Amino acid sequence: MKTTSLAGILLIAGSSALMAQTSLDANEDGEVTMEELVAVYADVTAEAFSEADADASGTLSADEVAAAQEAGLIPSEM
């Protein structure tokens, strides 16, 4: 029973992160640009975006978005 409950919680948490990524990723290409990010979070600075962009690709992957939200660089709630 505990395993089922934990699995359900993890599924919901993963779905929430995916939904947040999809909402930020307006063109649904799997990457979030600075323009897409500020369209949702107007207060995010270029410096915060650059810090979140761990691989310096100019876009944020789902993992980079999640890490940035965890670090408080970008909001985690819409």
N, C-alpha and C. Protein backbone atom coordinates (compact mmCIF):
# COMPACT_ATOMS: atom_id res chain seq x y z
N MET A 1 0.82 -1.19 0.00
CA MET A 1 0.00 0.00 0.00
C MET A 1 0.87 1.26 0.00
N LYS A 2 1.92 1.27 0.83
CA LYS A 2 2.80 2.43 0.89
C LYS A 2 3.50 2.64 -0.45
N THR A 3 3.90 1.56 -1.10
CA THR A 3 4.57 1.67 -2.39
C THR A 3 3.64 2.29 -3.42
N THR A 4 2.39 1.88 -3.42
CA THR A 4 1.42 2.43 -4.36
C THR A 4 1.21 3.92 -4.11
N SER A 5 1.10 4.31 -2.86
CA SER A 5 0.91 5.72 -2.53
C SER A 5 2.12 6.55 -2.94
N LEU A 6 3.32 6.04 -2.65
CA LEU A 6 4.53 6.75 -3.02
C LEU A 6 4.64 6.87 -4.54
N ALA A 7 4.32 5.81 -5.24
CA ALA A 7 4.36 5.84 -6.70
C ALA A 7 3.38 6.88 -7.25
N GLY A 8 2.22 6.97 -6.64
CA GLY A 8 1.22 7.96 -7.06
C GLY A 8 1.70 9.38 -6.83
N ILE A 9 2.32 9.60 -5.69
CA ILE A 9 2.85 10.94 -5.38
C ILE A 9 3.95 11.31 -6.35
N LEU A 10 4.85 10.37 -6.64
CA LEU A 10 5.93 10.65 -7.59
C LEU A 10 5.39 10.91 -8.98
N LEU A 11 4.38 10.20 -9.38
CA LEU A 11 3.77 10.41 -10.69
C LEU A 11 3.15 11.80 -10.77
N ILE A 12 2.46 12.21 -9.73
CA ILE A 12 1.85 13.54 -9.70
C ILE A 12 2.94 14.61 -9.72
N ALA A 13 3.99 14.43 -8.94
CA ALA A 13 5.09 15.41 -8.91
C ALA A 13 5.75 15.51 -10.27
N GLY A 14 5.99 14.39 -10.92
CA GLY A 14 6.59 14.40 -12.25
C GLY A 14 5.69 15.06 -13.26
N SER A 15 4.41 14.82 -13.15
CA SER A 15 3.44 15.43 -14.07
C SER A 15 3.41 16.94 -13.89
N SER A 16 3.50 17.40 -12.65
CA SER A 16 3.51 18.83 -12.39
C SER A 16 4.72 19.50 -13.02
N ALA A 17 5.89 18.87 -12.90
CA ALA A 17 7.10 19.42 -13.50
C ALA A 17 6.97 19.44 -15.02
N LEU A 18 6.42 18.39 -15.59
CA LEU A 18 6.24 18.34 -17.04
C LEU A 18 5.25 19.41 -17.49
N MET A 19 4.16 19.59 -16.74
CA MET A 19 3.18 20.61 -17.10
C MET A 19 3.80 22.01 -17.03
N ALA A 20 4.63 22.24 -16.01
CA ALA A 20 5.30 23.54 -15.90
C ALA A 20 6.22 23.76 -17.08
N GLN A 21 6.97 22.73 -17.46
CA GLN A 21 7.87 22.83 -18.60
C GLN A 21 7.07 23.11 -19.86
N THR A 22 5.97 22.40 -20.08
CA THR A 22 5.16 22.59 -21.27
C THR A 22 4.58 23.99 -21.32
N SER A 23 4.14 24.52 -20.19
CA SER A 23 3.57 25.86 -20.15
C SER A 23 4.62 26.92 -20.46
N LEU A 24 5.84 26.71 -20.03
CA LEU A 24 6.92 27.65 -20.33
C LEU A 24 7.38 27.52 -21.77
N ASP A 25 7.34 26.33 -22.31
CA ASP A 25 7.84 26.02 -23.65
C ASP A 25 6.72 26.27 -24.67
N ALA A 26 6.52 27.54 -25.02
CA ALA A 26 5.39 27.93 -25.86
C ALA A 26 5.37 27.25 -27.22
N ASN A 27 6.53 27.04 -27.82
CA ASN A 27 6.55 26.42 -29.15
C ASN A 27 6.75 24.90 -29.08
N GLU A 28 6.79 24.37 -27.86
CA GLU A 28 6.86 22.93 -27.60
C GLU A 28 8.01 22.24 -28.32
N ASP A 29 9.19 22.91 -28.31
CA ASP A 29 10.37 22.29 -28.93
C ASP A 29 11.27 21.59 -27.92
N GLY A 30 10.84 21.56 -26.65
CA GLY A 30 11.61 20.88 -25.62
C GLY A 30 12.63 21.76 -24.93
N GLU A 31 12.73 23.01 -25.31
CA GLU A 31 13.67 23.96 -24.72
C GLU A 31 12.92 25.26 -24.42
N VAL A 32 13.35 25.95 -23.37
CA VAL A 32 12.72 27.21 -22.98
C VAL A 32 13.72 28.34 -23.26
N THR A 33 13.30 29.30 -24.06
CA THR A 33 14.14 30.46 -24.36
C THR A 33 13.90 31.55 -23.33
N MET A 34 14.76 32.54 -23.33
CA MET A 34 14.57 33.69 -22.43
C MET A 34 13.23 34.35 -22.73
N GLU A 35 12.89 34.49 -24.00
CA GLU A 35 11.62 35.13 -24.39
C GLU A 35 10.43 34.35 -23.86
N GLU A 36 10.48 33.01 -23.97
CA GLU A 36 9.38 32.19 -23.46
C GLU A 36 9.28 32.31 -21.95
N LEU A 37 10.43 32.36 -21.28
CA LEU A 37 10.44 32.45 -19.83
C LEU A 37 9.86 33.76 -19.33
N VAL A 38 10.29 34.89 -19.92
CA VAL A 38 9.79 36.18 -19.45
C VAL A 38 8.35 36.43 -19.87
N ALA A 39 7.86 35.70 -20.85
CA ALA A 39 6.44 35.81 -21.20
C ALA A 39 5.56 35.29 -20.07
N VAL A 40 6.10 34.37 -19.28
CA VAL A 40 5.37 33.80 -18.16
C VAL A 40 5.79 34.46 -16.85
N TYR A 41 7.08 34.67 -16.68
CA TYR A 41 7.64 35.27 -15.47
C TYR A 41 8.38 36.55 -15.86
N ALA A 42 7.69 37.66 -15.89
CA ALA A 42 8.25 38.92 -16.36
C ALA A 42 9.43 39.42 -15.52
N ASP A 43 9.52 38.99 -14.28
CA ASP A 43 10.57 39.49 -13.40
C ASP A 43 11.89 38.72 -13.49
N VAL A 44 11.94 37.65 -14.27
CA VAL A 44 13.18 36.88 -14.39
C VAL A 44 14.21 37.71 -15.16
N THR A 45 15.39 37.80 -14.61
CA THR A 45 16.45 38.60 -15.22
C THR A 45 17.30 37.76 -16.17
N ALA A 46 18.02 38.44 -17.03
CA ALA A 46 18.95 37.77 -17.94
C ALA A 46 20.03 37.05 -17.13
N GLU A 47 20.42 37.63 -16.02
CA GLU A 47 21.44 37.00 -15.18
C GLU A 47 20.94 35.68 -14.59
N ALA A 48 19.69 35.66 -14.13
CA ALA A 48 19.11 34.43 -13.58
C ALA A 48 18.99 33.38 -14.67
N PHE A 49 18.58 33.81 -15.88
CA PHE A 49 18.47 32.87 -16.99
C PHE A 49 19.85 32.29 -17.31
N SER A 50 20.86 33.12 -17.38
CA SER A 50 22.22 32.66 -17.68
C SER A 50 22.73 31.69 -16.63
N GLU A 51 22.44 31.98 -15.37
CA GLU A 51 22.85 31.08 -14.29
C GLU A 51 22.13 29.74 -14.39
N ALA A 52 20.86 29.78 -14.80
CA ALA A 52 20.08 28.55 -14.94
C ALA A 52 20.54 27.72 -16.15
N ASP A 53 21.09 28.39 -17.15
CA ASP A 53 21.53 27.73 -18.39
C ASP A 53 22.90 27.07 -18.17
N ALA A 54 22.89 25.94 -17.48
CA ALA A 54 24.11 25.27 -17.05
C ALA A 54 25.04 24.90 -18.20
N ASP A 55 24.48 24.55 -19.36
CA ASP A 55 25.32 24.14 -20.48
C ASP A 55 25.59 25.28 -21.46
N ALA A 56 25.16 26.48 -21.12
CA ALA A 56 25.39 27.69 -21.94
C ALA A 56 24.91 27.53 -23.38
N SER A 57 23.77 26.84 -23.54
CA SER A 57 23.22 26.61 -24.87
C SER A 57 22.33 27.75 -25.35
N GLY A 58 21.96 28.64 -24.44
CA GLY A 58 21.06 29.73 -24.79
C GLY A 58 19.60 29.37 -24.58
N THR A 59 19.33 28.14 -24.17
CA THR A 59 17.98 27.69 -23.85
C THR A 59 18.05 26.84 -22.59
N LEU A 60 16.89 26.63 -21.97
CA LEU A 60 16.81 25.80 -20.77
C LEU A 60 16.11 24.49 -21.09
N SER A 61 16.74 23.39 -20.72
CA SER A 61 16.11 22.07 -20.83
C SER A 61 15.18 21.89 -19.64
N ALA A 62 14.42 20.82 -19.65
CA ALA A 62 13.52 20.51 -18.54
C ALA A 62 14.31 20.37 -17.24
N ASP A 63 15.48 19.73 -17.32
CA ASP A 63 16.32 19.56 -16.13
C ASP A 63 16.84 20.90 -15.63
N GLU A 64 17.23 21.78 -16.54
CA GLU A 64 17.72 23.11 -16.14
C GLU A 64 16.60 23.93 -15.53
N VAL A 65 15.40 23.84 -16.08
CA VAL A 65 14.25 24.56 -15.50
C VAL A 65 13.99 24.06 -14.10
N ALA A 66 13.96 22.75 -13.92
CA ALA A 66 13.70 22.17 -12.61
C ALA A 66 14.77 22.58 -11.60
N ALA A 67 16.04 22.54 -12.01
CA ALA A 67 17.13 22.93 -11.12
C ALA A 67 17.04 24.42 -10.78
N ALA A 68 16.70 25.24 -11.75
CA ALA A 68 16.58 26.69 -11.52
C ALA A 68 15.43 26.99 -10.57
N GLN A 69 14.34 26.26 -10.70
CA GLN A 69 13.21 26.46 -9.80
C GLN A 69 13.58 26.01 -8.40
N GLU A 70 14.28 24.89 -8.30
CA GLU A 70 14.71 24.39 -6.99
C GLU A 70 15.68 25.36 -6.33
N ALA A 71 16.53 26.00 -7.13
CA ALA A 71 17.51 26.95 -6.60
C ALA A 71 16.91 28.33 -6.34
N GLY A 72 15.67 28.54 -6.76
CA GLY A 72 15.01 29.82 -6.55
C GLY A 72 15.36 30.88 -7.59
N LEU A 73 15.96 30.46 -8.70
CA LEU A 73 16.31 31.40 -9.76
C LEU A 73 15.08 31.83 -10.55
N ILE A 74 14.14 30.91 -10.71
CA ILE A 74 12.88 31.22 -11.38
C ILE A 74 11.74 30.66 -10.54
N PRO A 75 10.58 31.28 -10.59
CA PRO A 75 9.45 30.79 -9.79
C PRO A 75 9.05 29.38 -10.20
N SER A 76 8.46 28.66 -9.27
CA SER A 76 8.01 27.31 -9.58
C SER A 76 6.50 27.24 -9.74
N GLU A 77 5.82 28.34 -9.48
CA GLU A 77 4.36 28.37 -9.62
C GLU A 77 3.98 29.38 -10.69
N MET A 78 2.95 29.05 -11.43
CA MET A 78 2.51 29.93 -12.50
C MET A 78 1.45 30.87 -11.99
